[in-house]
Amino acid sequence: MGHETALVLWALLAFQVKHFLCDFVLQTQYQVRTKGIYGHIGGFIHSGYHMVLSLPAMLILHAPLRAIIIIMIGEFLIHYHTDWTKANVDHYFDWGQADARYWMLFGADQLVHQLTYLAIVILLIQGTLS
């Protein structure tokens, strides 16, 4: 395995660990309850955790400061609006965890987050934001 491939895999691992921590360990019921209220501090806190804790993955890839700033802002906005959308769709339809559509919505939310991490890695290794 080449050096660049190893860095990419380590960065993807860092994103996975970060995502687990932010969405399943650090996220409070307050954040969960308020992510669907546009502009509420709970959603800002949650997305802020994601933004800041992405830093190790970007440092693994030796991202320049300009790229880090652009990515942090972009990730915050994407994460915030993805979670806001999921919360509002969930609230509107009120499917509940016994309904398969709830889990499809949950999975779609998680997929968007994972694709965001993949896009970040691709942008950084291509030097697009340098």
C-alpha atoms as a PDB file:
ATOM      1  CA  MET A   1       0.000   0.000   0.000  1.00  0.00           C
ATOM      2  CA  GLY A   2       1.337   3.408  -0.941  1.00  0.00           C
ATOM      3  CA  HIS A   3       1.801   6.278   1.486  1.00  0.00           C
ATOM      4  CA  GLU A   4      -1.031   8.352  -0.010  1.00  0.00           C
ATOM      5  CA  THR A   5      -3.426   5.390   0.130  1.00  0.00           C
ATOM      6  CA  ALA A   6      -2.556   4.844   3.793  1.00  0.00           C
ATOM      7  CA  LEU A   7      -3.205   8.516   4.576  1.00  0.00           C
ATOM      8  CA  VAL A   8      -6.579   8.372   2.837  1.00  0.00           C
ATOM      9  CA  LEU A   9      -7.585   5.277   4.810  1.00  0.00           C
ATOM     10  CA  TRP A  10      -6.445   6.828   8.104  1.00  0.00           C
ATOM     11  CA  ALA A  11      -8.380  10.001   7.295  1.00  0.00           C
ATOM     12  CA  LEU A  12     -11.521   8.005   6.471  1.00  0.00           C
ATOM     13  CA  LEU A  13     -11.108   6.129   9.752  1.00  0.00           C
ATOM     14  CA  ALA A  14     -10.785   9.452  11.591  1.00  0.00           C
ATOM     15  CA  PHE A  15     -14.018  10.654   9.951  1.00  0.00           C
ATOM     16  CA  GLN A  16     -15.803   7.437  10.992  1.00  0.00           C
ATOM     17  CA  VAL A  17     -14.681   7.731  14.609  1.00  0.00           C
ATOM     18  CA  LYS A  18     -15.574  11.427  14.627  1.00  0.00           C
ATOM     19  CA  HIS A  19     -19.020  10.681  13.253  1.00  0.00           C
ATOM     20  CA  PHE A  20     -19.660   8.008  15.877  1.00  0.00           C
ATOM     21  CA  LEU A  21     -18.560  10.354  18.651  1.00  0.00           C
ATOM     22  CA  CYS A  22     -20.583  13.342  17.446  1.00  0.00           C
ATOM     23  CA  ASP A  23     -23.784  11.528  16.474  1.00  0.00           C
ATOM     24  CA  PHE A  24     -23.927   8.783  19.081  1.00  0.00           C
ATOM     25  CA  VAL A  25     -21.776   9.724  22.092  1.00  0.00           C
ATOM     26  CA  LEU A  26     -21.689  13.519  22.402  1.00  0.00           C
ATOM     27  CA  GLN A  27     -25.131  14.294  20.996  1.00  0.00           C
ATOM     28  CA  THR A  28     -27.590  15.191  23.740  1.00  0.00           C
ATOM     29  CA  GLN A  29     -31.376  14.886  23.794  1.00  0.00           C
ATOM     30  CA  TYR A  30     -31.432  18.700  23.728  1.00  0.00           C
ATOM     31  CA  GLN A  31     -29.599  18.670  20.407  1.00  0.00           C
ATOM     32  CA  VAL A  32     -31.868  15.931  19.020  1.00  0.00           C
ATOM     33  CA  ARG A  33     -35.013  17.840  20.063  1.00  0.00           C
ATOM     34  CA  THR A  34     -33.877  21.180  18.650  1.00  0.00           C
ATOM     35  CA  LYS A  35     -32.130  20.234  15.369  1.00  0.00           C
ATOM     36  CA  GLY A  36     -35.433  20.681  13.518  1.00  0.00           C
ATOM     37  CA  ILE A  37     -35.868  24.291  14.664  1.00  0.00           C
ATOM     38  CA  TYR A  38     -34.083  26.411  12.106  1.00  0.00           C
ATOM     39  CA  GLY A  39     -31.430  28.605  13.698  1.00  0.00           C
ATOM     40  CA  HIS A  40     -31.667  26.948  17.126  1.00  0.00           C
ATOM     41  CA  ILE A  41     -28.445  26.730  19.113  1.00  0.00           C
ATOM     42  CA  GLY A  42     -28.882  22.960  19.616  1.00  0.00           C
ATOM     43  CA  GLY A  43     -28.379  22.289  15.918  1.00  0.00           C
ATOM     44  CA  PHE A  44     -25.488  24.756  15.826  1.00  0.00           C
ATOM     45  CA  ILE A  45     -23.777  22.966  18.726  1.00  0.00           C
ATOM     46  CA  HIS A  46     -24.217  19.561  17.101  1.00  0.00           C
ATOM     47  CA  SER A  47     -22.957  20.694  13.690  1.00  0.00           C
ATOM     48  CA  GLY A  48     -20.162  22.624  15.390  1.00  0.00           C
ATOM     49  CA  TYR A  49     -18.920  19.434  17.046  1.00  0.00           C
ATOM     50  CA  HIS A  50     -18.831  17.775  13.630  1.00  0.00           C
ATOM     51  CA  MET A  51     -17.010  20.726  12.104  1.00  0.00           C
ATOM     52  CA  VAL A  52     -14.315  20.946  14.776  1.00  0.00           C
ATOM     53  CA  LEU A  53     -13.774  17.218  15.210  1.00  0.00           C
ATOM     54  CA  SER A  54     -13.127  16.834  11.470  1.00  0.00           C
ATOM     55  CA  LEU A  55      -9.843  18.639  11.997  1.00  0.00           C
ATOM     56  CA  PRO A  56      -7.790  15.480  12.791  1.00  0.00           C
ATOM     57  CA  ALA A  57      -8.856  13.837   9.518  1.00  0.00           C
ATOM     58  CA  MET A  58      -7.881  16.934   7.571  1.00  0.00           C
ATOM     59  CA  LEU A  59      -4.533  17.162   9.348  1.00  0.00           C
ATOM     60  CA  ILE A  60      -3.823  13.528   8.483  1.00  0.00           C
ATOM     61  CA  LEU A  61      -4.145  14.575   4.837  1.00  0.00           C
ATOM     62  CA  HIS A  62      -1.906  17.615   5.413  1.00  0.00           C
ATOM     63  CA  ALA A  63      -4.684  19.992   4.389  1.00  0.00           C
ATOM     64  CA  PRO A  64      -3.617  23.617   4.021  1.00  0.00           C
ATOM     65  CA  LEU A  65      -5.255  26.193   6.301  1.00  0.00           C
ATOM     66  CA  ARG A  66      -7.357  27.681   3.496  1.00  0.00           C
ATOM     67  CA  ALA A  67      -8.805  24.255   2.661  1.00  0.00           C
ATOM     68  CA  ILE A  68      -9.463  23.497   6.336  1.00  0.00           C
ATOM     69  CA  ILE A  69     -11.442  26.712   6.768  1.00  0.00           C
ATOM     70  CA  ILE A  70     -13.478  26.164   3.582  1.00  0.00           C
ATOM     71  CA  ILE A  71     -14.200  22.545   4.504  1.00  0.00           C
ATOM     72  CA  MET A  72     -15.155  23.357   8.085  1.00  0.00           C
ATOM     73  CA  ILE A  73     -17.668  25.957   6.917  1.00  0.00           C
ATOM     74  CA  GLY A  74     -18.985  23.661   4.192  1.00  0.00           C
ATOM     75  CA  GLU A  75     -19.285  20.683   6.488  1.00  0.00           C
ATOM     76  CA  PHE A  76     -21.091  22.763   9.103  1.00  0.00           C
ATOM     77  CA  LEU A  77     -23.617  23.962   6.522  1.00  0.00           C
ATOM     78  CA  ILE A  78     -24.140  20.534   4.952  1.00  0.00           C
ATOM     79  CA  HIS A  79     -24.420  18.746   8.292  1.00  0.00           C
ATOM     80  CA  TYR A  80     -26.737  21.359   9.769  1.00  0.00           C
ATOM     81  CA  HIS A  81     -29.118  21.375   6.809  1.00  0.00           C
ATOM     82  CA  THR A  82     -29.087  17.600   6.410  1.00  0.00           C
ATOM     83  CA  ASP A  83     -30.028  17.132  10.067  1.00  0.00           C
ATOM     84  CA  TRP A  84     -32.609  19.938   9.916  1.00  0.00           C
ATOM     85  CA  THR A  85     -34.214  18.350   6.854  1.00  0.00           C
ATOM     86  CA  LYS A  86     -34.252  14.890   8.434  1.00  0.00           C
ATOM     87  CA  ALA A  87     -35.771  16.228  11.655  1.00  0.00           C
ATOM     88  CA  ASN A  88     -38.509  18.048   9.766  1.00  0.00           C
ATOM     89  CA  VAL A  89     -39.346  15.139   7.464  1.00  0.00           C
ATOM     90  CA  ASP A  90     -39.421  12.862  10.521  1.00  0.00           C
ATOM     91  CA  HIS A  91     -41.682  15.290  12.401  1.00  0.00           C
ATOM     92  CA  TYR A  92     -44.021  15.808   9.439  1.00  0.00           C
ATOM     93  CA  PHE A  93     -44.592  12.118   8.713  1.00  0.00           C
ATOM     94  CA  ASP A  94     -44.180  10.868  12.316  1.00  0.00           C
ATOM     95  CA  TRP A  95     -43.387   7.364  11.086  1.00  0.00           C
ATOM     96  CA  GLY A  96     -41.842   6.139  14.328  1.00  0.00           C
ATOM     97  CA  GLN A  97     -39.109   3.581  14.718  1.00  0.00           C
ATOM     98  CA  ALA A  98     -41.424   0.653  13.963  1.00  0.00           C
ATOM     99  CA  ASP A  99     -41.928   1.948  10.398  1.00  0.00           C
ATOM    100  CA  ALA A 100     -39.337   0.970   7.785  1.00  0.00           C
ATOM    101  CA  ARG A 101     -39.593   4.473   6.273  1.00  0.00           C
ATOM    102  CA  TYR A 102     -38.173   5.949   9.486  1.00  0.00           C
ATOM    103  CA  TRP A 103     -35.080   3.784   9.072  1.00  0.00           C
ATOM    104  CA  MET A 104     -34.785   4.653   5.384  1.00  0.00           C
ATOM    105  CA  LEU A 105     -34.828   8.337   6.345  1.00  0.00           C
ATOM    106  CA  PHE A 106     -32.252   7.691   9.080  1.00  0.00           C
ATOM    107  CA  GLY A 107     -30.101   5.775   6.591  1.00  0.00           C
ATOM    108  CA  ALA A 108     -30.385   8.523   3.976  1.00  0.00           C
ATOM    109  CA  ASP A 109     -29.248  11.068   6.579  1.00  0.00           C
ATOM    110  CA  GLN A 110     -26.258   8.927   7.476  1.00  0.00           C
ATOM    111  CA  LEU A 111     -25.450   8.339   3.799  1.00  0.00           C
ATOM    112  CA  VAL A 112     -25.308  12.084   3.124  1.00  0.00           C
ATOM    113  CA  HIS A 113     -22.877  12.492   6.026  1.00  0.00           C
ATOM    114  CA  GLN A 114     -20.664   9.646   4.804  1.00  0.00           C
ATOM    115  CA  LEU A 115     -20.664  10.978   1.246  1.00  0.00           C
ATOM    116  CA  THR A 116     -19.665  14.377   2.644  1.00  0.00           C
ATOM    117  CA  TYR A 117     -16.580  12.798   4.236  1.00  0.00           C
ATOM    118  CA  LEU A 118     -15.722  11.010   1.013  1.00  0.00           C
ATOM    119  CA  ALA A 119     -16.065  14.289  -0.914  1.00  0.00           C
ATOM    120  CA  ILE A 120     -13.823  16.066   1.586  1.00  0.00           C
ATOM    121  CA  VAL A 121     -11.117  13.424   1.169  1.00  0.00           C
ATOM    122  CA  ILE A 122     -11.378  13.570  -2.619  1.00  0.00           C
ATOM    123  CA  LEU A 123     -11.165  17.380  -2.636  1.00  0.00           C
ATOM    124  CA  LEU A 124      -8.122  17.314  -0.378  1.00  0.00           C
ATOM    125  CA  ILE A 125      -6.166  14.626  -2.199  1.00  0.00           C
ATOM    126  CA  GLN A 126      -6.852  16.320  -5.528  1.00  0.00           C
ATOM    127  CA  GLY A 127      -5.663  19.642  -4.104  1.00  0.00           C
ATOM    128  CA  THR A 128      -8.857  21.305  -5.317  1.00  0.00           C
ATOM    129  CA  LEU A 129      -9.031  23.696  -2.365  1.00  0.00           C
ATOM    130  CA  SER A 130      -5.327  24.541  -2.098  1.00  0.00           C
END
